[in-house]
N, C-alpha and C. Protein backbone atom coordinates (compact mmCIF):
# COMPACT_ATOMS: atom_id res chain seq x y z
N MET A 1 252.16 166.66 182.14
CA MET A 1 251.37 165.56 182.09
C MET A 1 251.02 165.17 183.58
N ILE A 2 249.94 164.57 184.14
CA ILE A 2 249.76 163.85 185.46
C ILE A 2 248.67 163.05 185.05
N SER A 3 248.70 162.11 186.38
CA SER A 3 247.40 161.14 186.31
C SER A 3 247.05 161.20 187.57
N PHE A 4 245.88 160.53 187.68
CA PHE A 4 245.30 160.35 188.71
C PHE A 4 244.73 159.37 189.25
N ASN A 5 245.96 158.66 190.17
CA ASN A 5 245.88 157.39 190.85
C ASN A 5 244.51 157.28 191.58
N CYS A 6 243.91 155.92 191.67
CA CYS A 6 243.03 155.92 192.74
C CYS A 6 241.70 156.64 192.22
N ILE A 7 241.45 157.47 191.18
CA ILE A 7 240.73 158.31 191.24
C ILE A 7 239.10 157.32 191.18
N GLU A 8 238.99 156.09 190.91
CA GLU A 8 238.12 155.27 190.83
C GLU A 8 237.68 155.39 191.82
N ASP A 9 238.04 155.72 193.15
CA ASP A 9 238.05 155.72 194.14
C ASP A 9 236.64 156.74 194.63
N SER A 10 236.70 157.75 193.99
CA SER A 10 235.83 158.88 194.09
C SER A 10 234.72 158.84 192.68
N GLY A 11 234.72 157.55 191.97
CA GLY A 11 233.74 157.30 190.93
C GLY A 11 234.19 158.07 190.02
N GLY A 12 235.16 158.45 189.89
CA GLY A 12 235.79 159.31 188.64
C GLY A 12 235.17 160.82 188.69
N SER A 13 234.38 161.25 189.68
CA SER A 13 233.92 162.56 189.19
C SER A 13 235.22 163.88 189.58
N PHE A 14 234.74 164.90 189.49
CA PHE A 14 235.94 165.80 189.80
C PHE A 14 235.83 166.18 191.55
N ASP A 15 234.99 165.66 192.27
CA ASP A 15 234.68 165.80 193.33
C ASP A 15 236.03 165.67 194.49
N ILE A 16 237.19 165.00 193.83
CA ILE A 16 238.46 165.26 194.38
C ILE A 16 239.05 166.32 194.14
N ILE A 17 238.80 167.02 193.41
CA ILE A 17 239.26 168.64 192.91
C ILE A 17 238.68 169.32 193.66
N LYS A 18 237.37 168.96 193.70
CA LYS A 18 236.84 170.29 194.82
C LYS A 18 237.32 169.80 196.34
N ASN A 19 237.68 169.08 196.55
CA ASN A 19 238.32 168.98 198.19
C ASN A 19 239.77 169.59 198.04
N ALA A 20 240.23 169.93 197.12
CA ALA A 20 241.59 170.55 197.23
C ALA A 20 241.40 172.14 197.02
N ALA A 21 240.64 172.61 197.67
CA ALA A 21 240.16 174.10 197.79
C ALA A 21 241.46 174.72 197.89
N GLY A 22 241.59 175.97 197.58
CA GLY A 22 242.70 176.64 197.12
C GLY A 22 243.66 176.47 196.44
N ILE A 23 243.77 175.47 195.86
CA ILE A 23 244.89 175.12 195.11
C ILE A 23 244.65 175.47 193.52
N PHE A 24 243.53 175.16 192.95
CA PHE A 24 243.23 175.61 191.61
C PHE A 24 242.66 176.94 191.62
N ARG A 25 242.98 177.97 190.89
CA ARG A 25 242.09 179.19 190.58
C ARG A 25 241.57 179.25 189.31
N THR A 26 240.56 180.08 189.36
CA THR A 26 239.72 180.09 188.06
C THR A 26 239.94 180.62 186.97
N ASP A 27 239.66 180.04 185.85
CA ASP A 27 240.30 179.59 184.61
C ASP A 27 241.40 178.86 184.52
N ASP A 28 241.82 178.34 185.52
CA ASP A 28 242.54 176.94 185.68
C ASP A 28 242.11 175.94 184.33
N LYS A 29 242.76 175.03 184.04
CA LYS A 29 242.14 174.02 182.62
C LYS A 29 242.74 172.63 183.25
N ILE A 30 242.16 171.73 182.96
CA ILE A 30 242.44 170.21 183.01
C ILE A 30 242.15 169.75 181.57
N MET A 31 242.84 169.34 180.91
CA MET A 31 242.51 168.36 179.10
C MET A 31 243.28 167.04 179.54
N THR A 32 242.11 166.15 178.25
CA THR A 32 242.68 165.18 178.40
C THR A 32 242.40 164.66 176.96
N ARG A 33 243.03 163.60 176.20
CA ARG A 33 242.50 163.19 174.79
C ARG A 33 242.09 161.82 174.97
N ASP A 34 240.78 161.55 174.52
CA ASP A 34 240.32 160.36 174.65
C ASP A 34 239.42 160.12 173.33
N GLU A 35 240.07 160.00 172.26
CA GLU A 35 239.16 159.82 170.90
C GLU A 35 239.02 161.43 170.57
N GLU A 36 238.82 162.28 171.42
CA GLU A 36 239.02 163.53 171.19
C GLU A 36 239.52 164.48 172.62
N LEU A 37 239.68 165.66 172.00
CA LEU A 37 240.26 166.44 172.83
C LEU A 37 239.10 166.54 173.86
N LEU A 38 239.19 166.75 175.21
CA LEU A 38 238.59 167.13 176.24
C LEU A 38 238.76 167.95 177.23
N LEU A 39 238.43 169.23 177.36
CA LEU A 39 238.62 170.27 178.34
C LEU A 39 237.42 170.67 179.49
N SER A 40 238.12 170.91 180.54
CA SER A 40 237.25 171.69 181.46
C SER A 40 238.32 172.98 182.16
N THR A 41 237.45 173.77 182.50
CA THR A 41 237.88 175.33 182.90
C THR A 41 237.20 175.69 184.23
N LEU A 42 237.82 175.84 184.99
CA LEU A 42 237.61 176.21 186.65
C LEU A 42 236.91 177.32 186.43
N ASP A 43 235.42 177.75 186.66
CA ASP A 43 234.83 178.96 186.51
C ASP A 43 234.64 179.81 188.21
N SER A 44 234.02 181.14 187.96
CA SER A 44 234.36 181.70 189.06
C SER A 44 232.82 181.43 190.13
N SER A 45 232.18 180.78 189.87
CA SER A 45 231.06 180.59 190.57
C SER A 45 231.53 180.38 192.22
N ASN A 46 230.34 180.30 192.96
CA ASN A 46 230.57 180.19 194.37
C ASN A 46 229.81 178.87 194.98
N PRO A 47 230.17 177.65 195.42
CA PRO A 47 231.81 177.36 194.93
C PRO A 47 232.02 176.94 193.34
N PRO A 48 233.42 177.23 193.10
CA PRO A 48 233.92 177.23 191.58
C PRO A 48 233.58 175.64 191.12
N ARG A 49 233.69 175.71 190.01
CA ARG A 49 233.59 174.34 189.55
C ARG A 49 233.89 174.26 187.85
N PHE A 50 234.53 172.93 187.81
CA PHE A 50 234.84 172.79 186.60
C PHE A 50 233.93 172.69 185.70
N VAL A 51 234.02 173.44 184.47
CA VAL A 51 232.76 173.50 183.34
C VAL A 51 233.61 172.89 182.42
N GLY A 52 232.92 172.07 181.08
CA GLY A 52 233.34 171.97 179.96
C GLY A 52 233.08 170.65 179.42
N SER A 53 233.72 170.16 178.65
CA SER A 53 233.57 168.63 177.56
C SER A 53 233.99 167.23 178.59
N LEU A 54 235.27 168.04 179.48
CA LEU A 54 235.79 167.16 180.32
C LEU A 54 234.93 166.94 181.81
N ASN A 55 234.06 165.89 181.91
CA ASN A 55 233.38 166.07 183.34
C ASN A 55 233.45 164.60 184.20
N ARG A 56 234.61 163.95 183.64
CA ARG A 56 234.83 162.72 184.63
C ARG A 56 236.56 162.76 184.39
N LEU A 57 237.13 161.94 185.45
CA LEU A 57 238.55 161.98 185.22
C LEU A 57 238.60 160.18 185.77
N SER A 58 239.87 159.48 184.99
CA SER A 58 239.86 158.20 184.99
C SER A 58 241.68 157.87 185.12
N SER A 59 241.88 157.32 186.19
CA SER A 59 243.15 156.60 186.10
C SER A 59 244.17 156.33 185.05
N SER A 60 243.19 155.76 183.88
CA SER A 60 243.52 155.22 182.79
C SER A 60 244.22 156.40 181.63
N LEU A 61 243.92 157.51 181.95
CA LEU A 61 244.28 158.70 181.20
C LEU A 61 245.38 159.77 181.82
N ALA A 62 246.16 160.19 180.79
CA ALA A 62 246.81 161.11 181.38
C ALA A 62 246.05 162.69 181.15
N TYR A 63 246.42 163.81 181.79
CA TYR A 63 246.11 165.04 181.83
C TYR A 63 246.72 165.71 181.60
N LYS A 64 246.59 167.01 180.81
CA LYS A 64 247.50 168.17 180.83
C LYS A 64 246.98 169.39 181.78
N VAL A 65 247.65 170.02 182.76
CA VAL A 65 246.80 171.00 183.48
C VAL A 65 247.72 172.38 183.26
N LEU A 66 246.98 173.31 183.10
CA LEU A 66 247.27 174.53 183.19
C LEU A 66 246.90 175.05 184.44
N TYR A 67 248.01 175.27 185.57
CA TYR A 67 247.40 175.84 187.03
C TYR A 67 248.38 176.96 187.46
N SER A 68 247.58 177.87 187.85
CA SER A 68 248.01 179.23 188.06
C SER A 68 248.17 179.22 189.57
N GLY A 69 247.87 178.40 190.24
CA GLY A 69 248.07 178.33 191.83
C GLY A 69 249.48 178.33 192.42
N GLU A 70 249.37 178.40 193.84
CA GLU A 70 250.82 178.57 194.09
C GLU A 70 251.94 177.27 193.79
N GLU A 71 253.13 177.71 193.75
CA GLU A 71 254.14 176.39 193.52
C GLU A 71 254.40 175.55 194.75
N GLY A 72 254.18 174.33 194.78
CA GLY A 72 254.69 173.65 195.60
C GLY A 72 253.34 172.89 196.28
N LYS A 73 252.27 173.15 195.42
CA LYS A 73 251.18 173.10 196.22
C LYS A 73 250.71 171.40 195.30
N SER A 74 249.94 170.68 195.89
CA SER A 74 249.59 169.26 195.24
C SER A 74 248.49 168.78 195.53
N LEU A 75 248.11 167.85 194.58
CA LEU A 75 247.01 167.18 194.92
C LEU A 75 247.15 166.09 195.31
N VAL A 76 246.96 165.01 196.60
CA VAL A 76 247.44 164.02 197.42
C VAL A 76 246.69 162.95 197.11
N GLN A 77 246.88 161.99 196.58
CA GLN A 77 245.90 160.86 196.68
C GLN A 77 246.54 159.60 197.62
N GLY A 78 245.65 158.88 198.37
CA GLY A 78 246.48 157.72 199.28
C GLY A 78 245.53 156.38 198.87
N GLY A 79 245.99 155.55 199.46
CA GLY A 79 245.46 153.94 199.25
C GLY A 79 246.97 153.18 198.76
N GLY A 80 246.56 151.90 198.60
CA GLY A 80 247.73 150.70 198.42
C GLY A 80 247.87 150.67 197.02
N ILE A 81 248.69 149.54 196.94
CA ILE A 81 249.00 149.15 195.50
C ILE A 81 248.10 148.69 194.62
N ARG A 82 247.68 149.40 193.43
CA ARG A 82 246.77 149.00 192.64
C ARG A 82 247.27 148.84 191.39
N PHE A 83 246.46 148.09 190.50
CA PHE A 83 246.65 147.65 189.53
C PHE A 83 245.25 148.30 188.54
N PRO A 84 245.73 148.78 187.18
CA PRO A 84 244.05 149.15 186.65
C PRO A 84 243.61 147.80 186.30
N ALA A 85 242.01 147.95 186.15
CA ALA A 85 241.15 146.80 185.98
C ALA A 85 241.12 146.46 184.73
N GLU A 86 241.73 147.41 183.80
CA GLU A 86 242.12 146.85 182.47
C GLU A 86 243.52 147.40 181.43
N ASP A 87 243.54 146.35 180.63
CA ASP A 87 244.80 146.52 180.31
C ASP A 87 245.00 147.96 179.75
N VAL A 88 246.11 148.33 179.54
CA VAL A 88 246.05 149.91 178.72
C VAL A 88 246.52 149.57 177.25
N VAL A 89 245.25 149.76 176.42
CA VAL A 89 244.97 149.84 175.25
C VAL A 89 245.72 150.72 174.23
N LEU A 90 246.43 151.08 173.35
CA LEU A 90 247.10 151.80 172.64
C LEU A 90 246.74 151.87 171.28
N LYS A 91 245.81 152.72 170.90
CA LYS A 91 245.89 153.10 169.47
C LYS A 91 247.08 153.31 168.22
N PRO A 92 247.08 153.53 167.37
CA PRO A 92 247.98 153.61 166.56
C PRO A 92 247.88 155.42 166.43
N GLY A 93 248.75 156.15 166.54
CA GLY A 93 249.21 157.32 166.83
C GLY A 93 249.51 157.98 167.88
N TRP A 94 249.02 158.99 168.70
CA TRP A 94 249.34 159.36 169.94
C TRP A 94 248.03 159.26 170.98
N ASN A 95 248.41 158.60 172.12
CA ASN A 95 247.80 158.36 173.36
C ASN A 95 248.49 158.98 174.25
N TRP A 96 247.18 159.25 175.21
CA TRP A 96 247.42 159.97 176.57
C TRP A 96 246.96 158.82 177.50
N ILE A 97 247.98 158.43 178.44
CA ILE A 97 247.76 157.64 179.40
C ILE A 97 248.37 158.02 180.98
N GLY A 98 247.69 157.38 181.58
CA GLY A 98 247.59 157.46 183.08
C GLY A 98 248.66 156.51 183.33
N HIS A 99 249.08 156.45 184.94
CA HIS A 99 249.82 155.30 185.42
C HIS A 99 248.98 154.78 186.79
N ALA A 100 248.22 154.37 186.74
CA ALA A 100 247.17 153.89 187.89
C ALA A 100 247.99 153.19 188.81
N PRO A 101 249.09 152.47 188.79
CA PRO A 101 249.86 151.64 189.94
C PRO A 101 250.37 152.58 190.95
N LEU A 102 250.33 152.53 192.27
CA LEU A 102 251.32 153.46 193.17
C LEU A 102 252.68 153.07 193.28
N ILE A 103 253.45 152.23 192.61
CA ILE A 103 254.67 152.34 192.34
C ILE A 103 255.26 152.27 190.99
N SER A 104 256.56 152.41 190.61
CA SER A 104 256.88 152.81 189.25
C SER A 104 257.23 151.72 188.60
N TYR A 105 257.15 151.62 187.50
CA TYR A 105 257.58 150.30 186.62
C TYR A 105 258.79 150.57 185.57
N ASP A 106 259.66 150.13 185.50
CA ASP A 106 260.91 149.96 184.50
C ASP A 106 260.07 149.69 183.31
N VAL A 107 260.30 150.74 182.26
CA VAL A 107 259.59 150.80 180.74
C VAL A 107 260.08 149.60 179.78
N ASN A 108 261.10 149.10 180.42
CA ASN A 108 261.20 147.87 179.28
C ASN A 108 261.01 146.76 180.29
N SER A 109 261.58 146.18 181.59
CA SER A 109 260.99 145.00 182.24
C SER A 109 259.64 145.38 183.28
N GLY A 110 259.17 146.60 183.28
CA GLY A 110 257.64 146.40 184.12
C GLY A 110 256.49 146.27 183.36
N ILE A 111 256.53 146.30 182.07
CA ILE A 111 255.36 145.95 181.35
C ILE A 111 255.64 144.81 180.38
N GLU A 112 254.12 144.28 180.18
CA GLU A 112 254.30 142.88 179.34
C GLU A 112 253.72 143.10 178.33
N LEU A 113 253.45 142.72 177.14
CA LEU A 113 252.61 142.86 176.06
C LEU A 113 251.73 141.83 176.11
N VAL A 114 250.38 142.67 175.73
CA VAL A 114 249.04 141.38 175.75
C VAL A 114 248.97 140.84 174.27
N SER A 115 248.96 142.43 173.53
CA SER A 115 248.51 141.99 172.06
C SER A 115 249.71 143.09 171.21
N GLY A 116 250.00 142.76 170.12
CA GLY A 116 250.87 143.53 169.34
C GLY A 116 252.05 143.35 169.47
N GLN A 117 252.93 144.36 169.13
CA GLN A 117 254.40 144.97 169.64
C GLN A 117 254.88 146.15 169.37
N PHE A 118 255.56 146.39 169.73
CA PHE A 118 255.99 147.62 169.98
C PHE A 118 257.09 147.77 168.38
N THR A 119 257.22 149.00 168.00
CA THR A 119 258.04 149.07 166.68
C THR A 119 258.81 150.10 166.73
N TYR A 120 259.99 149.91 165.60
CA TYR A 120 261.10 150.93 165.71
C TYR A 120 260.38 152.31 165.82
N ASP A 121 260.78 153.51 166.80
CA ASP A 121 260.32 154.75 166.88
C ASP A 121 259.05 154.72 167.84
N ASP A 122 258.50 154.06 168.06
CA ASP A 122 257.20 153.91 169.04
C ASP A 122 257.93 154.85 170.48
N GLN A 123 257.16 155.45 171.02
CA GLN A 123 257.96 156.35 171.67
C GLN A 123 256.82 156.52 173.21
N PHE A 124 257.52 156.53 174.41
CA PHE A 124 256.81 157.37 175.40
C PHE A 124 257.39 158.57 175.75
N LYS A 125 256.53 159.43 176.19
CA LYS A 125 256.89 160.93 176.34
C LYS A 125 256.19 161.78 177.67
N THR A 126 257.02 162.41 178.57
CA THR A 126 256.31 163.08 179.52
C THR A 126 256.99 164.13 179.66
N ARG A 127 256.13 165.25 180.34
CA ARG A 127 256.69 166.63 180.39
C ARG A 127 256.22 167.23 181.56
N SER A 128 256.88 167.47 182.38
CA SER A 128 256.85 168.55 183.59
C SER A 128 257.19 170.16 183.26
N GLY A 129 256.70 171.34 183.35
CA GLY A 129 257.28 172.44 182.91
C GLY A 129 257.72 172.44 181.75
N SER A 130 259.04 172.79 181.58
CA SER A 130 260.00 172.95 180.10
C SER A 130 260.72 171.48 180.24
N ASP A 131 260.77 170.24 181.54
CA ASP A 131 261.61 169.24 181.24
C ASP A 131 260.60 168.38 180.63
N VAL A 132 260.97 167.77 179.46
CA VAL A 132 260.74 166.38 178.79
C VAL A 132 261.74 165.21 178.71
N GLU A 133 261.12 164.22 178.98
CA GLU A 133 261.54 162.87 179.12
C GLU A 133 260.87 162.18 177.86
N PHE A 134 261.62 161.29 177.20
CA PHE A 134 261.52 160.58 176.20
C PHE A 134 262.17 158.74 176.38
N ALA A 135 261.54 158.08 175.92
CA ALA A 135 261.84 156.60 175.42
C ALA A 135 261.73 156.14 174.43
N THR A 136 262.39 156.06 173.55
CA THR A 136 262.09 155.71 172.20
C THR A 136 262.34 154.01 171.79
N TYR A 137 261.73 153.46 170.96
CA TYR A 137 261.86 152.08 170.92
C TYR A 137 262.74 151.95 169.92
N ALA A 138 263.96 151.27 170.32
CA ALA A 138 265.11 151.01 169.46
C ALA A 138 265.22 149.61 168.67
N GLY A 139 264.26 149.02 168.94
CA GLY A 139 264.16 147.26 168.37
C GLY A 139 264.30 146.34 169.45
N SER A 140 263.81 144.98 169.39
CA SER A 140 264.01 144.21 170.27
C SER A 140 265.36 143.81 171.01
N GLU A 141 266.20 144.10 170.38
CA GLU A 141 267.51 143.88 171.19
C GLU A 141 267.85 144.86 172.21
N PHE A 142 267.31 146.10 171.95
CA PHE A 142 267.84 147.39 172.70
C PHE A 142 266.97 147.71 173.79
N GLY A 143 265.20 147.38 173.37
CA GLY A 143 263.84 147.86 173.88
C GLY A 143 263.97 149.50 173.73
N PHE A 144 263.40 150.27 174.85
CA PHE A 144 263.24 151.49 174.88
C PHE A 144 264.32 152.31 175.49
N VAL A 145 265.13 153.23 174.54
CA VAL A 145 266.06 153.78 174.96
C VAL A 145 265.77 155.61 175.45
N GLY A 146 266.37 156.15 176.32
CA GLY A 146 266.48 157.30 176.39
C GLY A 146 266.38 157.66 177.52
N ASN A 147 266.18 158.92 178.34
CA ASN A 147 265.84 159.41 179.52
C ASN A 147 264.84 158.82 180.08
N LEU A 148 263.79 158.41 179.82
CA LEU A 148 262.61 158.12 180.56
C LEU A 148 262.90 156.65 180.89
N ALA A 149 263.04 156.20 182.01
CA ALA A 149 263.36 154.87 182.22
C ALA A 149 262.21 154.19 183.17
N GLU A 150 261.64 155.03 183.63
CA GLU A 150 260.44 154.48 184.98
C GLU A 150 259.08 155.27 184.22
N LEU A 151 257.91 154.44 184.25
CA LEU A 151 256.70 154.94 184.32
C LEU A 151 256.27 155.05 185.96
N LYS A 152 255.94 156.31 186.31
CA LYS A 152 255.91 156.66 187.69
C LYS A 152 254.28 157.29 188.10
N PRO A 153 254.19 156.86 189.67
CA PRO A 153 252.64 157.37 189.96
C PRO A 153 252.63 158.98 189.90
N GLY A 154 251.37 159.34 189.02
CA GLY A 154 251.03 160.88 189.40
C GLY A 154 251.78 161.02 187.97
N SER A 155 252.42 160.84 187.36
CA SER A 155 252.83 161.19 185.75
C SER A 155 251.78 160.35 184.85
N GLY A 156 251.58 161.28 183.70
CA GLY A 156 251.42 161.17 182.81
C GLY A 156 251.79 160.84 181.18
N TYR A 157 251.17 160.11 180.72
CA TYR A 157 252.40 159.90 179.24
C TYR A 157 251.75 160.08 178.05
N GLU A 158 252.44 160.53 176.87
CA GLU A 158 252.12 160.86 175.77
C GLU A 158 252.83 159.64 175.32
N VAL A 159 251.95 158.45 174.29
CA VAL A 159 252.56 157.27 173.74
C VAL A 159 252.20 157.41 172.52
N ARG A 160 253.20 157.13 171.48
CA ARG A 160 253.19 157.13 169.93
C ARG A 160 253.33 155.54 169.23
N VAL A 161 252.63 155.13 168.93
CA VAL A 161 252.59 153.73 168.41
C VAL A 161 252.21 153.66 167.13
N LYS A 162 252.91 152.92 166.01
CA LYS A 162 252.55 152.97 164.58
C LYS A 162 251.58 151.93 164.52
N MET A 163 251.48 150.67 165.43
CA MET A 163 250.78 149.63 165.38
C MET A 163 249.75 149.51 166.30
N ALA A 164 248.26 149.02 166.88
CA ALA A 164 247.76 148.93 168.05
C ALA A 164 248.77 147.85 168.93
N VAL A 165 248.50 148.41 169.96
CA VAL A 165 249.43 147.28 171.22
C VAL A 165 248.64 147.48 172.56
N THR A 166 248.59 146.43 173.51
CA THR A 166 248.33 146.48 174.61
C THR A 166 249.15 145.87 175.50
N PHE A 167 248.94 146.88 176.37
CA PHE A 167 250.29 146.01 177.79
C PHE A 167 249.53 146.05 179.01
N ARG A 168 250.02 145.38 180.00
CA ARG A 168 249.65 145.64 181.15
C ARG A 168 251.07 145.43 181.92
N TYR A 169 250.97 145.74 183.22
CA TYR A 169 252.20 145.96 184.29
C TYR A 169 252.35 144.56 184.83
N ASN A 170 253.50 144.40 184.76
CA ASN A 170 254.49 143.05 185.29
C ASN A 170 254.59 143.00 186.72
N ALA A 171 253.54 142.36 187.44
CA ALA A 171 253.33 142.12 188.90
C ALA A 171 254.61 141.79 189.42
N THR A 172 255.67 141.02 188.64
CA THR A 172 256.56 140.41 189.07
C THR A 172 257.83 141.01 189.09
N SER A 173 257.76 142.24 188.57
CA SER A 173 259.18 143.39 188.25
C SER A 173 258.92 144.26 189.51
N PHE A 174 258.25 144.10 190.53
CA PHE A 174 258.49 145.13 191.66
C PHE A 174 259.06 144.48 193.05
């Protein structure tokens, strides 16, 4: 799971990926879930382009990437500390969210609720290759517990909530 920090600087288009020539290969895929599953695949046209139902990128969403290129290559983005323009809105069930700020935030003290409440067993999850990290809500006394302690730039998260929750990043925590 990854996120695209500062993607709004490019208008949300795939232009930022086009500028990463040689990183992605034919048939590599990028997908996200925003109401429904959206997917685009890199075709073999000249120049190659991503085609499919996913045609815009957003820093508020997380993405799963099927990447067959060289290990160690990355899509690097620059810019200053940014906060998402809008609060992070979680609907009941699984949500895929990106982490827009360029700094890490503690999963317990780095976010503040705007509406709703986390409930027992709500969960943040991220994965990279075969590594999976979880933070599961264990009640107001304990907060989120598990091996996922921080929300990090460039990472994407699957978040499961029982009830609608809206949060924002706590600017006083960094």
